[in-house]
Amino acid sequence: MRDISQVIDAMLKHVPADWTALRVQLEEIKRGAAYCAPEAMGRCWRKTYKVLENEIGALQFPWQRRVAGIFSGKETP
């Protein structure tokens, strides 16, 4: 099973610094995941998906495609 904290760390490497709302929300999910029971980890993944969907939307820039690829597991960090 993939570790959501590692996936978020990998995504954050590609999110531009001026996208603070996205960065803050991803960091918040990562902090919460540290205290999440294994059987409830799906909630963290769904929350991350919703944040990406709301903040990124259409994949217009290369960094957005890279982040989406990392999240989906199709691209290595």
PDB file of N, CA and C in Angstrom:
ATOM      1  N   MET A   1       0.838  -1.170   0.000  1.00  0.00           N
ATOM      2  CA  MET A   1       0.000   0.000   0.000  1.00  0.00           C
ATOM      3  C   MET A   1       0.891   1.244   0.000  1.00  0.00           C
ATOM      4  N   ARG A   2       0.507   2.226  -0.800  1.00  0.00           N
ATOM      5  CA  ARG A   2       1.269   3.470  -0.871  1.00  0.00           C
ATOM      6  C   ARG A   2       1.028   4.323   0.371  1.00  0.00           C
ATOM      7  N   ASP A   3       2.047   5.036   0.783  1.00  0.00           N
ATOM      8  CA  ASP A   3       1.986   5.900   1.954  1.00  0.00           C
ATOM      9  C   ASP A   3       1.584   7.306   1.503  1.00  0.00           C
ATOM     10  N   ILE A   4       0.426   7.776   1.969  1.00  0.00           N
ATOM     11  CA  ILE A   4      -0.086   9.077   1.558  1.00  0.00           C
ATOM     12  C   ILE A   4       0.888  10.197   1.909  1.00  0.00           C
ATOM     13  N   SER A   5       1.591  10.087   3.022  1.00  0.00           N
ATOM     14  CA  SER A   5       2.549  11.131   3.417  1.00  0.00           C
ATOM     15  C   SER A   5       3.688  11.236   2.409  1.00  0.00           C
ATOM     16  N   GLN A   6       4.184  10.095   1.948  1.00  0.00           N
ATOM     17  CA  GLN A   6       5.252  10.101   0.947  1.00  0.00           C
ATOM     18  C   GLN A   6       4.750  10.637  -0.388  1.00  0.00           C
ATOM     19  N   VAL A   7       3.530  10.297  -0.747  1.00  0.00           N
ATOM     20  CA  VAL A   7       2.952  10.780  -2.000  1.00  0.00           C
ATOM     21  C   VAL A   7       2.789  12.302  -1.933  1.00  0.00           C
ATOM     22  N   ILE A   8       2.289  12.813  -0.823  1.00  0.00           N
ATOM     23  CA  ILE A   8       2.120  14.265  -0.680  1.00  0.00           C
ATOM     24  C   ILE A   8       3.476  14.962  -0.714  1.00  0.00           C
ATOM     25  N   ASP A   9       4.477  14.409  -0.040  1.00  0.00           N
ATOM     26  CA  ASP A   9       5.824  14.993  -0.100  1.00  0.00           C
ATOM     27  C   ASP A   9       6.323  15.070  -1.539  1.00  0.00           C
ATOM     28  N   ALA A  10       6.125  13.996  -2.288  1.00  0.00           N
ATOM     29  CA  ALA A  10       6.567  13.968  -3.680  1.00  0.00           C
ATOM     30  C   ALA A  10       5.814  15.004  -4.515  1.00  0.00           C
ATOM     31  N   MET A  11       4.516  15.150  -4.272  1.00  0.00           N
ATOM     32  CA  MET A  11       3.740  16.138  -5.022  1.00  0.00           C
ATOM     33  C   MET A  11       4.176  17.553  -4.680  1.00  0.00           C
ATOM     34  N   LEU A  12       4.420  17.815  -3.395  1.00  0.00           N
ATOM     35  CA  LEU A  12       4.799  19.162  -2.960  1.00  0.00           C
ATOM     36  C   LEU A  12       6.101  19.634  -3.590  1.00  0.00           C
ATOM     37  N   LYS A  13       6.959  18.711  -3.975  1.00  0.00           N
ATOM     38  CA  LYS A  13       8.209  19.088  -4.640  1.00  0.00           C
ATOM     39  C   LYS A  13       7.942  19.781  -5.971  1.00  0.00           C
ATOM     40  N   HIS A  14       6.772  19.553  -6.548  1.00  0.00           N
ATOM     41  CA  HIS A  14       6.467  20.085  -7.870  1.00  0.00           C
ATOM     42  C   HIS A  14       5.451  21.226  -7.853  1.00  0.00           C
ATOM     43  N   VAL A  15       4.821  21.467  -6.707  1.00  0.00           N
ATOM     44  CA  VAL A  15       3.837  22.548  -6.607  1.00  0.00           C
ATOM     45  C   VAL A  15       4.584  23.864  -6.416  1.00  0.00           C
ATOM     46  N   PRO A  16       4.349  24.841  -7.291  1.00  0.00           N
ATOM     47  CA  PRO A  16       5.028  26.132  -7.151  1.00  0.00           C
ATOM     48  C   PRO A  16       4.732  26.785  -5.798  1.00  0.00           C
ATOM     49  N   ALA A  17       5.709  27.531  -5.306  1.00  0.00           N
ATOM     50  CA  ALA A  17       5.597  28.168  -3.989  1.00  0.00           C
ATOM     51  C   ALA A  17       4.417  29.135  -3.906  1.00  0.00           C
ATOM     52  N   ASP A  18       4.038  29.744  -5.019  1.00  0.00           N
ATOM     53  CA  ASP A  18       2.943  30.716  -4.979  1.00  0.00           C
ATOM     54  C   ASP A  18       1.551  30.066  -4.960  1.00  0.00           C
ATOM     55  N   TRP A  19       1.480  28.760  -5.027  1.00  0.00           N
ATOM     56  CA  TRP A  19       0.211  28.040  -4.900  1.00  0.00           C
ATOM     57  C   TRP A  19       0.025  27.665  -3.431  1.00  0.00           C
ATOM     58  N   THR A  20      -0.019  28.670  -2.577  1.00  0.00           N
ATOM     59  CA  THR A  20      -0.026  28.444  -1.131  1.00  0.00           C
ATOM     60  C   THR A  20      -1.270  27.707  -0.646  1.00  0.00           C
ATOM     61  N   ALA A  21      -2.429  27.993  -1.209  1.00  0.00           N
ATOM     62  CA  ALA A  21      -3.658  27.322  -0.753  1.00  0.00           C
ATOM     63  C   ALA A  21      -3.536  25.815  -0.946  1.00  0.00           C
ATOM     64  N   LEU A  22      -3.036  25.404  -2.086  1.00  0.00           N
ATOM     65  CA  LEU A  22      -2.854  23.972  -2.363  1.00  0.00           C
ATOM     66  C   LEU A  22      -1.820  23.375  -1.419  1.00  0.00           C
ATOM     67  N   ARG A  23      -0.708  24.066  -1.250  1.00  0.00           N
ATOM     68  CA  ARG A  23       0.355  23.569  -0.387  1.00  0.00           C
ATOM     69  C   ARG A  23      -0.131  23.407   1.053  1.00  0.00           C
ATOM     70  N   VAL A  24      -0.859  24.396   1.563  1.00  0.00           N
ATOM     71  CA  VAL A  24      -1.357  24.359   2.942  1.00  0.00           C
ATOM     72  C   VAL A  24      -2.325  23.192   3.127  1.00  0.00           C
ATOM     73  N   GLN A  25      -3.234  22.993   2.181  1.00  0.00           N
ATOM     74  CA  GLN A  25      -4.209  21.911   2.301  1.00  0.00           C
ATOM     75  C   GLN A  25      -3.543  20.544   2.251  1.00  0.00           C
ATOM     76  N   LEU A  26      -2.560  20.386   1.379  1.00  0.00           N
ATOM     77  CA  LEU A  26      -1.853  19.102   1.298  1.00  0.00           C
ATOM     78  C   LEU A  26      -1.073  18.833   2.576  1.00  0.00           C
ATOM     79  N   GLU A  27      -0.436  19.849   3.126  1.00  0.00           N
ATOM     80  CA  GLU A  27       0.290  19.690   4.387  1.00  0.00           C
ATOM     81  C   GLU A  27      -0.665  19.304   5.521  1.00  0.00           C
ATOM     82  N   GLU A  28      -1.855  19.900   5.517  1.00  0.00           N
ATOM     83  CA  GLU A  28      -2.849  19.583   6.544  1.00  0.00           C
ATOM     84  C   GLU A  28      -3.276  18.111   6.465  1.00  0.00           C
ATOM     85  N   ILE A  29      -3.501  17.632   5.262  1.00  0.00           N
ATOM     86  CA  ILE A  29      -3.868  16.225   5.078  1.00  0.00           C
ATOM     87  C   ILE A  29      -2.732  15.329   5.553  1.00  0.00           C
ATOM     88  N   LYS A  30      -1.509  15.703   5.217  1.00  0.00           N
ATOM     89  CA  LYS A  30      -0.342  14.906   5.620  1.00  0.00           C
ATOM     90  C   LYS A  30      -0.247  14.828   7.138  1.00  0.00           C
ATOM     91  N   ARG A  31      -0.439  15.946   7.827  1.00  0.00           N
ATOM     92  CA  ARG A  31      -0.393  15.932   9.294  1.00  0.00           C
ATOM     93  C   ARG A  31      -1.490  15.042   9.873  1.00  0.00           C
ATOM     94  N   GLY A  32      -2.687  15.132   9.307  1.00  0.00           N
ATOM     95  CA  GLY A  32      -3.799  14.312   9.785  1.00  0.00           C
ATOM     96  C   GLY A  32      -3.597  12.837   9.532  1.00  0.00           C
ATOM     97  N   ALA A  33      -2.938  12.506   8.435  1.00  0.00           N
ATOM     98  CA  ALA A  33      -2.712  11.101   8.081  1.00  0.00           C
ATOM     99  C   ALA A  33      -1.817  10.401   9.098  1.00  0.00           C
ATOM    100  N   ALA A  34      -0.968  11.164   9.748  1.00  0.00           N
ATOM    101  CA  ALA A  34      -0.069  10.577  10.741  1.00  0.00           C
ATOM    102  C   ALA A  34      -0.846   9.979  11.918  1.00  0.00           C
ATOM    103  N   TYR A  35      -2.056  10.479  12.154  1.00  0.00           N
ATOM    104  CA  TYR A  35      -2.878  10.014  13.282  1.00  0.00           C
ATOM    105  C   TYR A  35      -4.083   9.181  12.835  1.00  0.00           C
ATOM    106  N   CYS A  36      -4.148   8.891  11.564  1.00  0.00           N
ATOM    107  CA  CYS A  36      -5.292   8.174  10.996  1.00  0.00           C
ATOM    108  C   CYS A  36      -5.095   6.656  11.135  1.00  0.00           C
ATOM    109  N   ALA A  37      -6.139   5.983  11.543  1.00  0.00           N
ATOM    110  CA  ALA A  37      -6.087   4.523  11.638  1.00  0.00           C
ATOM    111  C   ALA A  37      -5.951   3.929  10.231  1.00  0.00           C
ATOM    112  N   PRO A  38      -5.236   2.826  10.095  1.00  0.00           N
ATOM    113  CA  PRO A  38      -5.044   2.229   8.768  1.00  0.00           C
ATOM    114  C   PRO A  38      -6.354   1.974   8.017  1.00  0.00           C
ATOM    115  N   GLU A  39      -7.384   1.540   8.737  1.00  0.00           N
ATOM    116  CA  GLU A  39      -8.647   1.245   8.062  1.00  0.00           C
ATOM    117  C   GLU A  39      -9.386   2.505   7.613  1.00  0.00           C
ATOM    118  N   ALA A  40      -8.964   3.675   8.082  1.00  0.00           N
ATOM    119  CA  ALA A  40      -9.596   4.932   7.687  1.00  0.00           C
ATOM    120  C   ALA A  40      -8.734   5.725   6.708  1.00  0.00           C
ATOM    121  N   MET A  41      -7.642   5.149   6.246  1.00  0.00           N
ATOM    122  CA  MET A  41      -6.719   5.856   5.362  1.00  0.00           C
ATOM    123  C   MET A  41      -7.358   6.249   4.034  1.00  0.00           C
ATOM    124  N   GLY A  42      -8.365   5.509   3.613  1.00  0.00           N
ATOM    125  CA  GLY A  42      -9.066   5.854   2.369  1.00  0.00           C
ATOM    126  C   GLY A  42      -9.639   7.263   2.406  1.00  0.00           C
ATOM    127  N   ARG A  43     -10.033   7.706   3.582  1.00  0.00           N
ATOM    128  CA  ARG A  43     -10.567   9.059   3.731  1.00  0.00           C
ATOM    129  C   ARG A  43      -9.499  10.106   3.387  1.00  0.00           C
ATOM    130  N   CYS A  44      -8.260   9.862   3.782  1.00  0.00           N
ATOM    131  CA  CYS A  44      -7.164  10.782   3.457  1.00  0.00           C
ATOM    132  C   CYS A  44      -6.925  10.846   1.952  1.00  0.00           C
ATOM    133  N   TRP A  45      -6.999   9.690   1.312  1.00  0.00           N
ATOM    134  CA  TRP A  45      -6.816   9.662  -0.145  1.00  0.00           C
ATOM    135  C   TRP A  45      -7.952  10.406  -0.849  1.00  0.00           C
ATOM    136  N   ARG A  46      -9.192  10.202  -0.378  1.00  0.00           N
ATOM    137  CA  ARG A  46     -10.331  10.906  -0.994  1.00  0.00           C
ATOM    138  C   ARG A  46     -10.234  12.408  -0.777  1.00  0.00           C
ATOM    139  N   LYS A  47      -9.812  12.808   0.402  1.00  0.00           N
ATOM    140  CA  LYS A  47      -9.664  14.230   0.701  1.00  0.00           C
ATOM    141  C   LYS A  47      -8.581  14.852  -0.189  1.00  0.00           C
ATOM    142  N   THR A  48      -7.489  14.138  -0.378  1.00  0.00           N
ATOM    143  CA  THR A  48      -6.418  14.616  -1.257  1.00  0.00           C
ATOM    144  C   THR A  48      -6.929  14.763  -2.685  1.00  0.00           C
ATOM    145  N   TYR A  49      -7.687  13.784  -3.150  1.00  0.00           N
ATOM    146  CA  TYR A  49      -8.267  13.858  -4.489  1.00  0.00           C
ATOM    147  C   TYR A  49      -9.129  15.103  -4.636  1.00  0.00           C
ATOM    148  N   LYS A  50      -9.996  15.368  -3.653  1.00  0.00           N
ATOM    149  CA  LYS A  50     -10.888  16.529  -3.729  1.00  0.00           C
ATOM    150  C   LYS A  50     -10.102  17.832  -3.729  1.00  0.00           C
ATOM    151  N   VAL A  51      -9.051  17.909  -2.924  1.00  0.00           N
ATOM    152  CA  VAL A  51      -8.220  19.114  -2.893  1.00  0.00           C
ATOM    153  C   VAL A  51      -7.576  19.335  -4.257  1.00  0.00           C
ATOM    154  N   LEU A  52      -7.016  18.284  -4.838  1.00  0.00           N
ATOM    155  CA  LEU A  52      -6.396  18.408  -6.158  1.00  0.00           C
ATOM    156  C   LEU A  52      -7.425  18.807  -7.210  1.00  0.00           C
ATOM    157  N   GLU A  53      -8.585  18.198  -7.153  1.00  0.00           N
ATOM    158  CA  GLU A  53      -9.640  18.508  -8.113  1.00  0.00           C
ATOM    159  C   GLU A  53     -10.062  19.975  -8.008  1.00  0.00           C
ATOM    160  N   ASN A  54     -10.240  20.469  -6.792  1.00  0.00           N
ATOM    161  CA  ASN A  54     -10.693  21.845  -6.585  1.00  0.00           C
ATOM    162  C   ASN A  54      -9.615  22.879  -6.858  1.00  0.00           C
ATOM    163  N   GLU A  55      -8.389  22.588  -6.497  1.00  0.00           N
ATOM    164  CA  GLU A  55      -7.315  23.573  -6.616  1.00  0.00           C
ATOM    165  C   GLU A  55      -6.621  23.565  -7.977  1.00  0.00           C
ATOM    166  N   ILE A  56      -6.472  22.397  -8.566  1.00  0.00           N
ATOM    167  CA  ILE A  56      -5.752  22.310  -9.836  1.00  0.00           C
ATOM    168  C   ILE A  56      -6.704  22.376 -11.022  1.00  0.00           C
ATOM    169  N   GLY A  57      -7.784  21.628 -10.957  1.00  0.00           N
ATOM    170  CA  GLY A  57      -8.730  21.617 -12.069  1.00  0.00           C
ATOM    171  C   GLY A  57      -8.110  21.015 -13.312  1.00  0.00           C
ATOM    172  N   ALA A  58      -8.246  21.730 -14.427  1.00  0.00           N
ATOM    173  CA  ALA A  58      -7.687  21.268 -15.700  1.00  0.00           C
ATOM    174  C   ALA A  58      -6.159  21.274 -15.618  1.00  0.00           C
ATOM    175  N   LEU A  59      -5.555  20.285 -16.194  1.00  0.00           N
ATOM    176  CA  LEU A  59      -4.095  20.143 -16.142  1.00  0.00           C
ATOM    177  C   LEU A  59      -3.456  20.966 -17.258  1.00  0.00           C
ATOM    178  N   GLN A  60      -3.227  22.235 -16.977  1.00  0.00           N
ATOM    179  CA  GLN A  60      -2.717  23.160 -17.985  1.00  0.00           C
ATOM    180  C   GLN A  60      -1.199  23.256 -18.016  1.00  0.00           C
ATOM    181  N   PHE A  61      -0.557  23.036 -16.873  1.00  0.00           N
ATOM    182  CA  PHE A  61       0.882  23.216 -16.774  1.00  0.00           C
ATOM    183  C   PHE A  61       1.574  21.877 -16.519  1.00  0.00           C
ATOM    184  N   PRO A  62       2.834  21.769 -16.927  1.00  0.00           N
ATOM    185  CA  PRO A  62       3.554  20.508 -16.708  1.00  0.00           C
ATOM    186  C   PRO A  62       3.587  20.076 -15.244  1.00  0.00           C
ATOM    187  N   TRP A  63       3.738  21.008 -14.308  1.00  0.00           N
ATOM    188  CA  TRP A  63       3.787  20.631 -12.895  1.00  0.00           C
ATOM    189  C   TRP A  63       2.465  20.018 -12.451  1.00  0.00           C
ATOM    190  N   GLN A  64       1.346  20.491 -13.023  1.00  0.00           N
ATOM    191  CA  GLN A  64       0.039  19.937 -12.663  1.00  0.00           C
ATOM    192  C   GLN A  64      -0.087  18.502 -13.144  1.00  0.00           C
ATOM    193  N   ARG A  65       0.389  18.242 -14.351  1.00  0.00           N
ATOM    194  CA  ARG A  65       0.351  16.881 -14.876  1.00  0.00           C
ATOM    195  C   ARG A  65       1.263  15.964 -14.054  1.00  0.00           C
ATOM    196  N   ARG A  66       2.397  16.497 -13.629  1.00  0.00           N
ATOM    197  CA  ARG A  66       3.329  15.706 -12.814  1.00  0.00           C
ATOM    198  C   ARG A  66       2.698  15.346 -11.468  1.00  0.00           C
ATOM    199  N   VAL A  67       2.052  16.329 -10.826  1.00  0.00           N
ATOM    200  CA  VAL A  67       1.393  16.093  -9.539  1.00  0.00           C
ATOM    201  C   VAL A  67       0.284  15.064  -9.695  1.00  0.00           C
ATOM    202  N   ALA A  68      -0.522  15.195 -10.744  1.00  0.00           N
ATOM    203  CA  ALA A  68      -1.601  14.232 -10.988  1.00  0.00           C
ATOM    204  C   ALA A  68      -1.036  12.835 -11.234  1.00  0.00           C
ATOM    205  N   GLY A  69       0.057  12.747 -11.953  1.00  0.00           N
ATOM    206  CA  GLY A  69       0.697  11.459 -12.211  1.00  0.00           C
ATOM    207  C   GLY A  69       1.224  10.813 -10.939  1.00  0.00           C
ATOM    208  N   ILE A  70       1.809  11.614 -10.080  1.00  0.00           N
ATOM    209  CA  ILE A  70       2.310  11.100  -8.800  1.00  0.00           C
ATOM    210  C   ILE A  70       1.149  10.616  -7.944  1.00  0.00           C
ATOM    211  N   PHE A  71       0.075  11.399  -7.870  1.00  0.00           N
ATOM    212  CA  PHE A  71      -1.069  11.015  -7.073  1.00  0.00           C
ATOM    213  C   PHE A  71      -1.674   9.699  -7.570  1.00  0.00           C
ATOM    214  N   SER A  72      -1.811   9.571  -8.877  1.00  0.00           N
ATOM    215  CA  SER A  72      -2.449   8.387  -9.443  1.00  0.00           C
ATOM    216  C   SER A  72      -1.553   7.159  -9.422  1.00  0.00           C
ATOM    217  N   GLY A  73      -0.255   7.357  -9.186  1.00  0.00           N
ATOM    218  CA  GLY A  73       0.675   6.228  -9.177  1.00  0.00           C
ATOM    219  C   GLY A  73       1.213   5.889 -10.553  1.00  0.00           C
ATOM    220  N   LYS A  74       0.870   6.690 -11.551  1.00  0.00           N
ATOM    221  CA  LYS A  74       1.345   6.422 -12.911  1.00  0.00           C
ATOM    222  C   LYS A  74       2.731   6.994 -13.147  1.00  0.00           C
ATOM    223  N   GLU A  75       3.141   7.894 -12.272  1.00  0.00           N
ATOM    224  CA  GLU A  75       4.453   8.504 -12.413  1.00  0.00           C
ATOM    225  C   GLU A  75       5.196   8.342 -11.093  1.00  0.00           C
ATOM    226  N   THR A  76       6.458   8.036 -11.172  1.00  0.00           N
ATOM    227  CA  THR A  76       7.227   7.871  -9.948  1.00  0.00           C
ATOM    228  C   THR A  76       7.662   9.238  -9.424  1.00  0.00           C
ATOM    229  N   PRO A  77       7.746   9.381  -8.118  1.00  0.00           N
ATOM    230  CA  PRO A  77       8.129  10.672  -7.520  1.00  0.00           C
ATOM    231  C   PRO A  77       9.481  11.115  -7.868  1.00  0.00           C
TER     232      PRO A  77
END
